Amino acid sequence: MLTTRQCKHQVLTLLAQADWEAQLPEIMALPTQKVVGALFGALHSSVSAVRWHAVTAFGLVVAGLADTAPEKARIIMRRFLWNLNEESGGIGWGSAEAMAEIMAQSPLLAKEYHNHLLAYIHEDHCRPDCYLEYAPLRRGAVWGLGRLSQVRPDLTLRAEPDLLCALKDCDGPIRGLAAWTCGILGLNSAAPGLQHLQTDATPLDIYTDRREIQTTVARLAQEALTTLSQHPQATT
C-alpha cells in the first residue's frame, strides 16, 4: 500500500516531468484522499510549473470526485475557502486558482461555488466581504475568473464592474489578468481601460492552455482589444 509520503513524492515527481500531461491518468488513479493531500502540498512548491500543473490536476481529480461522491468534493472546496479566510492563519496559495479549475471541469461545483470566486475581487466598504486585500492572492482570483469564463461565462459576467476596476489596479499583474479576462468575456465596456493599458510594459506570467507564458500587460490588453474588434459583444 502506498504511504502518504510516497504518494506525495510520486505526485510531485509526475507533475515536474516534461510530459506531465501524459502522467495525469496515473495521478488520477492514485487513492483520492492521498492524491488530494499531495496536490495541496504541490500548490506550495517552489517550482512555478509544478504549482500550475497541480492546479490542472486538481480540476480533474475533484471534478471526477464530484461525479461519484459530491459531498467529498464539497469538503475539498470548503477547505479552499478556509485557506483563503483570514482566520485560517495561513496564506491560501493556489486556492483560488484550483477552485476555478475545478469549477471549469465540474458543472455541479461551478453552480454551487462560483459566487465565492466573484466575491474575492468585489470590495464592498459598506459591509464585511470576502475581498482579498493581499494582491498576490487576488491575482489568483482574477486568473480564476478568466479560466472559469473560458468555460462558463454565464457565471462570471456579473463580475464585469469589478473587472473594470481591476484594469486600474495598482498591481500590474492584476491589471494584465483583468485585461485577459475582459477579452475572454468580450466586454465592450472594457475598451477604454484596455486602450489605456496598451503602453503598460509591466511583465507577468500567465498560465493558459496548460502552459505558462511570459507576457506584458500591454500585450494582453492589445490581444483583448483585438478580440473585441473581431467578436463584438452581443449585449452589454
C-alpha atoms as a PDB file:
ATOM      1  CA  MET A   1       0.000   0.000   0.000  1.00  0.00           C
ATOM      2  CA  LEU A   2       1.296   3.421  -0.993  1.00  0.00           C
ATOM      3  CA  THR A   3       2.042   5.596   2.040  1.00  0.00           C
ATOM      4  CA  THR A   4       1.077   9.270   2.205  1.00  0.00           C
ATOM      5  CA  ARG A   5       4.716  10.293   1.937  1.00  0.00           C
ATOM      6  CA  GLN A   6       5.280   8.015  -1.064  1.00  0.00           C
ATOM      7  CA  CYS A   7       2.157   9.361  -2.757  1.00  0.00           C
ATOM      8  CA  LYS A   8       3.293  12.943  -2.267  1.00  0.00           C
ATOM      9  CA  HIS A   9       6.717  12.167  -3.701  1.00  0.00           C
ATOM     10  CA  GLN A  10       5.190  10.363  -6.683  1.00  0.00           C
ATOM     11  CA  VAL A  11       2.745  13.170  -7.457  1.00  0.00           C
ATOM     12  CA  LEU A  12       5.434  15.859  -7.231  1.00  0.00           C
ATOM     13  CA  THR A  13       7.707  13.799  -9.461  1.00  0.00           C
ATOM     14  CA  LEU A  14       5.000  13.288 -12.084  1.00  0.00           C
ATOM     15  CA  LEU A  15       3.977  16.953 -12.105  1.00  0.00           C
ATOM     16  CA  ALA A  16       7.586  18.020 -12.644  1.00  0.00           C
ATOM     17  CA  GLN A  17       8.143  15.852 -15.712  1.00  0.00           C
ATOM     18  CA  ALA A  18       8.301  17.322 -19.204  1.00  0.00           C
ATOM     19  CA  ASP A  19       5.479  15.004 -20.302  1.00  0.00           C
ATOM     20  CA  TRP A  20       3.414  15.733 -17.191  1.00  0.00           C
ATOM     21  CA  GLU A  21       0.129  15.795 -19.114  1.00  0.00           C
ATOM     22  CA  ALA A  22       0.659  12.176 -20.116  1.00  0.00           C
ATOM     23  CA  GLN A  23       1.043  11.368 -16.403  1.00  0.00           C
ATOM     24  CA  LEU A  24      -2.336  12.802 -15.384  1.00  0.00           C
ATOM     25  CA  PRO A  25      -4.163   9.446 -15.723  1.00  0.00           C
ATOM     26  CA  GLU A  26      -1.621   7.892 -13.350  1.00  0.00           C
ATOM     27  CA  ILE A  27      -2.192  10.688 -10.841  1.00  0.00           C
ATOM     28  CA  MET A  28      -5.966  10.269 -11.096  1.00  0.00           C
ATOM     29  CA  ALA A  29      -5.604   6.539 -10.461  1.00  0.00           C
ATOM     30  CA  LEU A  30      -3.931   7.091  -7.087  1.00  0.00           C
ATOM     31  CA  PRO A  31      -6.011   6.882  -3.864  1.00  0.00           C
ATOM     32  CA  THR A  32      -8.118  10.052  -3.917  1.00  0.00           C
ATOM     33  CA  GLN A  33      -7.567  11.142  -0.318  1.00  0.00           C
ATOM     34  CA  LYS A  34      -3.806  10.781  -0.590  1.00  0.00           C
ATOM     35  CA  VAL A  35      -3.542  12.417  -4.009  1.00  0.00           C
ATOM     36  CA  VAL A  36      -5.616  15.393  -2.830  1.00  0.00           C
ATOM     37  CA  GLY A  37      -3.250  15.864   0.104  1.00  0.00           C
ATOM     38  CA  ALA A  38      -0.287  15.643  -2.264  1.00  0.00           C
ATOM     39  CA  LEU A  39      -1.824  18.238  -4.576  1.00  0.00           C
ATOM     40  CA  PHE A  40      -2.401  20.636  -1.701  1.00  0.00           C
ATOM     41  CA  GLY A  41       1.288  20.275  -0.943  1.00  0.00           C
ATOM     42  CA  ALA A  42       2.192  20.830  -4.590  1.00  0.00           C
ATOM     43  CA  LEU A  43       0.437  24.206  -4.544  1.00  0.00           C
ATOM     44  CA  HIS A  44       3.266  25.341  -2.234  1.00  0.00           C
ATOM     45  CA  SER A  45       6.065  24.051  -4.455  1.00  0.00           C
ATOM     46  CA  SER A  46       8.967  26.418  -5.106  1.00  0.00           C
ATOM     47  CA  VAL A  47       8.678  25.492  -8.802  1.00  0.00           C
ATOM     48  CA  SER A  48       6.061  27.539 -10.624  1.00  0.00           C
ATOM     49  CA  ALA A  49       5.373  24.837 -13.226  1.00  0.00           C
ATOM     50  CA  VAL A  50       4.639  22.261 -10.530  1.00  0.00           C
ATOM     51  CA  ARG A  51       2.189  24.622  -8.835  1.00  0.00           C
ATOM     52  CA  TRP A  52       0.288  25.224 -12.056  1.00  0.00           C
ATOM     53  CA  HIS A  53       0.310  21.564 -13.038  1.00  0.00           C
ATOM     54  CA  ALA A  54      -1.180  20.840  -9.615  1.00  0.00           C
ATOM     55  CA  VAL A  55      -3.998  23.279 -10.396  1.00  0.00           C
ATOM     56  CA  THR A  56      -4.775  21.353 -13.576  1.00  0.00           C
ATOM     57  CA  ALA A  57      -4.639  18.025 -11.760  1.00  0.00           C
ATOM     58  CA  PHE A  58      -6.914  19.336  -9.007  1.00  0.00           C
ATOM     59  CA  GLY A  59      -9.513  20.167 -11.626  1.00  0.00           C
ATOM     60  CA  LEU A  60      -9.577  16.647 -12.986  1.00  0.00           C
ATOM     61  CA  VAL A  61      -9.379  14.829  -9.657  1.00  0.00           C
ATOM     62  CA  VAL A  62     -12.034  16.818  -7.793  1.00  0.00           C
ATOM     63  CA  ALA A  63     -14.394  17.054 -10.762  1.00  0.00           C
ATOM     64  CA  GLY A  64     -14.237  13.274 -11.012  1.00  0.00           C
ATOM     65  CA  LEU A  65     -14.925  13.016  -7.310  1.00  0.00           C
ATOM     66  CA  ALA A  66     -17.927  15.342  -7.694  1.00  0.00           C
ATOM     67  CA  ASP A  67     -19.458  12.865 -10.128  1.00  0.00           C
ATOM     68  CA  THR A  68     -19.228   9.935  -7.726  1.00  0.00           C
ATOM     69  CA  ALA A  69     -19.113  11.445  -4.228  1.00  0.00           C
ATOM     70  CA  PRO A  70     -20.228  15.092  -4.415  1.00  0.00           C
ATOM     71  CA  GLU A  71     -20.150  15.698  -0.669  1.00  0.00           C
ATOM     72  CA  LYS A  72     -16.485  14.696  -0.518  1.00  0.00           C
ATOM     73  CA  ALA A  73     -15.793  17.133  -3.356  1.00  0.00           C
ATOM     74  CA  ARG A  74     -17.602  19.862  -1.429  1.00  0.00           C
ATOM     75  CA  ILE A  75     -15.377  19.215   1.582  1.00  0.00           C
ATOM     76  CA  ILE A  76     -12.343  19.937  -0.591  1.00  0.00           C
ATOM     77  CA  MET A  77     -13.927  23.135  -1.920  1.00  0.00           C
ATOM     78  CA  ARG A  78     -14.670  24.252   1.634  1.00  0.00           C
ATOM     79  CA  ARG A  79     -11.037  23.618   2.513  1.00  0.00           C
ATOM     80  CA  PHE A  80     -10.012  26.054  -0.216  1.00  0.00           C
ATOM     81  CA  LEU A  81     -12.463  28.604   1.175  1.00  0.00           C
ATOM     82  CA  TRP A  82     -10.988  28.184   4.639  1.00  0.00           C
ATOM     83  CA  ASN A  83      -7.454  28.551   3.297  1.00  0.00           C
ATOM     84  CA  LEU A  84      -8.436  31.935   1.850  1.00  0.00           C
ATOM     85  CA  ASN A  85     -10.094  33.051   5.071  1.00  0.00           C
ATOM     86  CA  GLU A  86      -8.013  35.389   7.221  1.00  0.00           C
ATOM     87  CA  GLU A  87      -8.984  33.377  10.278  1.00  0.00           C
ATOM     88  CA  SER A  88      -7.174  30.316   8.898  1.00  0.00           C
ATOM     89  CA  GLY A  89      -3.872  31.846   9.955  1.00  0.00           C
ATOM     90  CA  GLY A  90      -2.202  30.847   6.697  1.00  0.00           C
ATOM     91  CA  ILE A  91      -1.963  32.053   3.103  1.00  0.00           C
ATOM     92  CA  GLY A  92      -4.076  30.176   0.582  1.00  0.00           C
ATOM     93  CA  TRP A  93      -1.530  29.974  -2.193  1.00  0.00           C
ATOM     94  CA  GLY A  94      -3.116  28.455  -5.303  1.00  0.00           C
ATOM     95  CA  SER A  95      -6.516  28.009  -3.664  1.00  0.00           C
ATOM     96  CA  ALA A  96      -8.460  30.423  -5.885  1.00  0.00           C
ATOM     97  CA  GLU A  97      -6.780  29.041  -8.987  1.00  0.00           C
ATOM     98  CA  ALA A  98      -7.515  25.432  -8.040  1.00  0.00           C
ATOM     99  CA  MET A  99     -11.127  26.260  -7.190  1.00  0.00           C
ATOM    100  CA  ALA A 100     -11.550  27.882 -10.601  1.00  0.00           C
ATOM    101  CA  GLU A 101     -10.038  24.941 -12.458  1.00  0.00           C
ATOM    102  CA  ILE A 102     -12.278  22.545 -10.555  1.00  0.00           C
ATOM    103  CA  MET A 103     -15.335  24.629 -11.421  1.00  0.00           C
ATOM    104  CA  ALA A 104     -14.255  24.765 -15.055  1.00  0.00           C
ATOM    105  CA  GLN A 105     -14.342  20.965 -15.026  1.00  0.00           C
ATOM    106  CA  SER A 106     -17.418  20.403 -12.822  1.00  0.00           C
ATOM    107  CA  PRO A 107     -20.828  21.977 -13.620  1.00  0.00           C
ATOM    108  CA  LEU A 108     -22.129  20.960 -10.196  1.00  0.00           C
ATOM    109  CA  LEU A 109     -19.361  22.641  -8.219  1.00  0.00           C
ATOM    110  CA  ALA A 110     -19.375  25.667 -10.526  1.00  0.00           C
ATOM    111  CA  LYS A 111     -23.048  26.250  -9.804  1.00  0.00           C
ATOM    112  CA  GLU A 112     -22.522  25.955  -6.064  1.00  0.00           C
ATOM    113  CA  TYR A 113     -19.250  27.862  -5.574  1.00  0.00           C
ATOM    114  CA  HIS A 114     -18.769  30.423  -8.366  1.00  0.00           C
ATOM    115  CA  ASN A 115     -20.144  33.240  -6.201  1.00  0.00           C
ATOM    116  CA  HIS A 116     -17.235  32.796  -3.804  1.00  0.00           C
ATOM    117  CA  LEU A 117     -14.746  33.366  -6.610  1.00  0.00           C
ATOM    118  CA  LEU A 118     -16.537  36.530  -7.720  1.00  0.00           C
ATOM    119  CA  ALA A 119     -16.579  37.798  -4.141  1.00  0.00           C
ATOM    120  CA  TYR A 120     -12.794  37.614  -3.892  1.00  0.00           C
ATOM    121  CA  ILE A 121     -12.400  40.645  -6.204  1.00  0.00           C
ATOM    122  CA  HIS A 122     -15.501  42.534  -5.037  1.00  0.00           C
ATOM    123  CA  GLU A 123     -14.729  45.244  -2.495  1.00  0.00           C
ATOM    124  CA  ASP A 124     -17.722  46.484  -0.514  1.00  0.00           C
ATOM    125  CA  HIS A 125     -16.931  49.179   2.030  1.00  0.00           C
ATOM    126  CA  CYS A 126     -20.442  49.085   3.491  1.00  0.00           C
ATOM    127  CA  ARG A 127     -20.351  45.580   4.887  1.00  0.00           C
ATOM    128  CA  PRO A 128     -17.950  42.712   5.630  1.00  0.00           C
ATOM    129  CA  ASP A 129     -16.891  40.902   2.494  1.00  0.00           C
ATOM    130  CA  CYS A 130     -14.516  38.279   1.113  1.00  0.00           C
ATOM    131  CA  TYR A 131     -12.351  40.700  -0.858  1.00  0.00           C
ATOM    132  CA  LEU A 132      -8.743  39.553  -0.962  1.00  0.00           C
ATOM    133  CA  GLU A 133      -6.702  42.513   0.207  1.00  0.00           C
ATOM    134  CA  TYR A 134      -3.384  40.806  -0.476  1.00  0.00           C
ATOM    135  CA  ALA A 135      -2.602  41.432  -4.145  1.00  0.00           C
ATOM    136  CA  PRO A 136      -0.752  38.143  -4.853  1.00  0.00           C
ATOM    137  CA  LEU A 137      -3.826  36.205  -3.685  1.00  0.00           C
ATOM    138  CA  ARG A 138      -6.162  38.495  -5.610  1.00  0.00           C
ATOM    139  CA  ARG A 139      -4.175  37.767  -8.755  1.00  0.00           C
ATOM    140  CA  GLY A 140      -5.200  34.136  -8.359  1.00  0.00           C
ATOM    141  CA  ALA A 141      -8.855  35.101  -8.125  1.00  0.00           C
ATOM    142  CA  VAL A 142      -8.683  37.254 -11.263  1.00  0.00           C
ATOM    143  CA  TRP A 143      -6.906  34.449 -13.121  1.00  0.00           C
ATOM    144  CA  GLY A 144      -9.603  32.107 -11.829  1.00  0.00           C
ATOM    145  CA  LEU A 145     -12.347  34.312 -13.240  1.00  0.00           C
ATOM    146  CA  GLY A 146     -10.616  34.221 -16.601  1.00  0.00           C
ATOM    147  CA  ARG A 147     -10.285  30.450 -16.505  1.00  0.00           C
ATOM    148  CA  LEU A 148     -13.905  29.942 -15.486  1.00  0.00           C
ATOM    149  CA  SER A 149     -15.011  32.446 -18.128  1.00  0.00           C
ATOM    150  CA  GLN A 150     -13.432  30.267 -20.810  1.00  0.00           C
ATOM    151  CA  VAL A 151     -15.960  27.540 -19.994  1.00  0.00           C
ATOM    152  CA  ARG A 152     -18.878  29.124 -18.119  1.00  0.00           C
ATOM    153  CA  PRO A 153     -19.076  32.839 -18.972  1.00  0.00           C
ATOM    154  CA  ASP A 154     -22.710  32.925 -17.858  1.00  0.00           C
ATOM    155  CA  LEU A 155     -21.470  32.516 -14.280  1.00  0.00           C
ATOM    156  CA  THR A 156     -18.834  35.243 -14.400  1.00  0.00           C
ATOM    157  CA  LEU A 157     -20.425  38.099 -16.372  1.00  0.00           C
ATOM    158  CA  ARG A 158     -21.680  39.604 -13.115  1.00  0.00           C
ATOM    159  CA  ALA A 159     -18.071  40.400 -12.276  1.00  0.00           C
ATOM    160  CA  GLU A 160     -17.938  42.997 -15.075  1.00  0.00           C
ATOM    161  CA  PRO A 161     -17.868  46.089 -12.779  1.00  0.00           C
ATOM    162  CA  ASP A 162     -15.146  44.558 -10.622  1.00  0.00           C
ATOM    163  CA  LEU A 163     -13.084  43.580 -13.655  1.00  0.00           C
ATOM    164  CA  LEU A 164     -13.308  47.145 -14.982  1.00  0.00           C
ATOM    165  CA  CYS A 165     -11.980  48.339 -11.620  1.00  0.00           C
ATOM    166  CA  ALA A 166      -9.230  45.731 -11.746  1.00  0.00           C
ATOM    167  CA  LEU A 167      -7.991  47.228 -15.032  1.00  0.00           C
ATOM    168  CA  LYS A 168      -6.893  50.212 -12.907  1.00  0.00           C
ATOM    169  CA  ASP A 169      -5.490  48.204 -10.004  1.00  0.00           C
ATOM    170  CA  CYS A 170      -2.169  49.365  -8.543  1.00  0.00           C
ATOM    171  CA  ASP A 171      -0.832  45.821  -9.034  1.00  0.00           C
ATOM    172  CA  GLY A 172       0.455  45.258 -12.563  1.00  0.00           C
ATOM    173  CA  PRO A 173      -0.236  41.517 -12.875  1.00  0.00           C
ATOM    174  CA  ILE A 174      -3.819  42.110 -11.721  1.00  0.00           C
ATOM    175  CA  ARG A 175      -4.257  44.683 -14.489  1.00  0.00           C
ATOM    176  CA  GLY A 176      -2.950  42.198 -17.020  1.00  0.00           C
ATOM    177  CA  LEU A 177      -5.075  39.314 -15.792  1.00  0.00           C
ATOM    178  CA  ALA A 178      -8.137  41.568 -15.763  1.00  0.00           C
ATOM    179  CA  ALA A 179      -7.412  42.540 -19.374  1.00  0.00           C
ATOM    180  CA  TRP A 180      -7.123  38.878 -20.321  1.00  0.00           C
ATOM    181  CA  THR A 181     -10.422  38.078 -18.607  1.00  0.00           C
ATOM    182  CA  CYS A 182     -12.225  41.031 -20.191  1.00  0.00           C
ATOM    183  CA  GLY A 183     -11.107  39.769 -23.577  1.00  0.00           C
ATOM    184  CA  ILE A 184     -12.392  36.284 -22.845  1.00  0.00           C
ATOM    185  CA  LEU A 185     -15.770  37.683 -21.803  1.00  0.00           C
ATOM    186  CA  GLY A 186     -15.868  40.096 -24.740  1.00  0.00           C
ATOM    187  CA  LEU A 187     -16.606  43.115 -22.547  1.00  0.00           C
ATOM    188  CA  ASN A 188     -17.006  46.138 -24.822  1.00  0.00           C
ATOM    189  CA  SER A 189     -17.241  48.281 -21.705  1.00  0.00           C
ATOM    190  CA  ALA A 190     -13.583  47.454 -21.041  1.00  0.00           C
ATOM    191  CA  ALA A 191     -12.325  49.009 -24.297  1.00  0.00           C
ATOM    192  CA  PRO A 192     -11.362  52.422 -22.817  1.00  0.00           C
ATOM    193  CA  GLY A 193      -9.444  50.807 -19.980  1.00  0.00           C
ATOM    194  CA  LEU A 194      -7.759  48.366 -22.341  1.00  0.00           C
ATOM    195  CA  GLN A 195      -6.696  51.174 -24.641  1.00  0.00           C
ATOM    196  CA  HIS A 196      -5.084  52.927 -21.683  1.00  0.00           C
ATOM    197  CA  LEU A 197      -3.117  49.765 -20.866  1.00  0.00           C
ATOM    198  CA  GLN A 198      -1.574  49.430 -24.330  1.00  0.00           C
ATOM    199  CA  THR A 199       1.543  51.217 -23.078  1.00  0.00           C
ATOM    200  CA  ASP A 200       1.773  49.306 -19.787  1.00  0.00           C
ATOM    201  CA  ALA A 201       5.016  47.338 -20.034  1.00  0.00           C
ATOM    202  CA  THR A 202       4.590  45.548 -16.703  1.00  0.00           C
ATOM    203  CA  PRO A 203       5.746  41.927 -17.175  1.00  0.00           C
ATOM    204  CA  LEU A 204       3.818  38.934 -15.906  1.00  0.00           C
ATOM    205  CA  ASP A 205       3.493  35.201 -16.419  1.00  0.00           C
ATOM    206  CA  ILE A 206       0.125  33.727 -17.298  1.00  0.00           C
ATOM    207  CA  TYR A 207      -0.953  30.087 -17.333  1.00  0.00           C
ATOM    208  CA  THR A 208      -3.195  29.293 -20.259  1.00  0.00           C
ATOM    209  CA  ASP A 209      -3.818  26.175 -22.337  1.00  0.00           C
ATOM    210  CA  ARG A 210      -1.838  24.245 -19.726  1.00  0.00           C
ATOM    211  CA  ARG A 211       1.364  26.191 -20.246  1.00  0.00           C
ATOM    212  CA  GLU A 212       2.919  29.210 -18.600  1.00  0.00           C
ATOM    213  CA  ILE A 213       3.913  32.059 -20.883  1.00  0.00           C
ATOM    214  CA  GLN A 214       5.746  35.320 -20.312  1.00  0.00           C
ATOM    215  CA  THR A 215       3.902  38.400 -21.480  1.00  0.00           C
ATOM    216  CA  THR A 216       3.130  42.007 -20.548  1.00  0.00           C
ATOM    217  CA  VAL A 217       0.051  43.937 -19.520  1.00  0.00           C
ATOM    218  CA  ALA A 218       0.235  45.837 -22.809  1.00  0.00           C
ATOM    219  CA  ARG A 219       0.271  42.668 -24.869  1.00  0.00           C
ATOM    220  CA  LEU A 220      -2.706  41.204 -23.025  1.00  0.00           C
ATOM    221  CA  ALA A 221      -4.618  44.472 -23.441  1.00  0.00           C
ATOM    222  CA  GLN A 222      -3.860  44.549 -27.159  1.00  0.00           C
ATOM    223  CA  GLU A 223      -4.972  40.927 -27.538  1.00  0.00           C
ATOM    224  CA  ALA A 224      -8.194  41.681 -25.683  1.00  0.00           C
ATOM    225  CA  LEU A 225      -8.900  44.693 -27.918  1.00  0.00           C
ATOM    226  CA  THR A 226      -8.303  42.547 -30.986  1.00  0.00           C
ATOM    227  CA  THR A 227     -10.784  40.001 -29.641  1.00  0.00           C
ATOM    228  CA  LEU A 228     -13.365  42.736 -29.045  1.00  0.00           C
ATOM    229  CA  SER A 229     -12.962  44.055 -32.570  1.00  0.00           C
ATOM    230  CA  GLN A 230     -13.364  40.598 -34.100  1.00  0.00           C
ATOM    231  CA  HIS A 231     -16.178  39.352 -31.865  1.00  0.00           C
ATOM    232  CA  PRO A 232     -18.227  42.302 -30.609  1.00  0.00           C
ATOM    233  CA  GLN A 233     -20.314  41.531 -27.559  1.00  0.00           C
ATOM    234  CA  ALA A 234     -23.939  40.916 -28.446  1.00  0.00           C
ATOM    235  CA  THR A 235     -25.277  42.601 -25.310  1.00  0.00           C
ATOM    236  CA  THR A 236     -23.844  44.902 -22.688  1.00  0.00           C
END
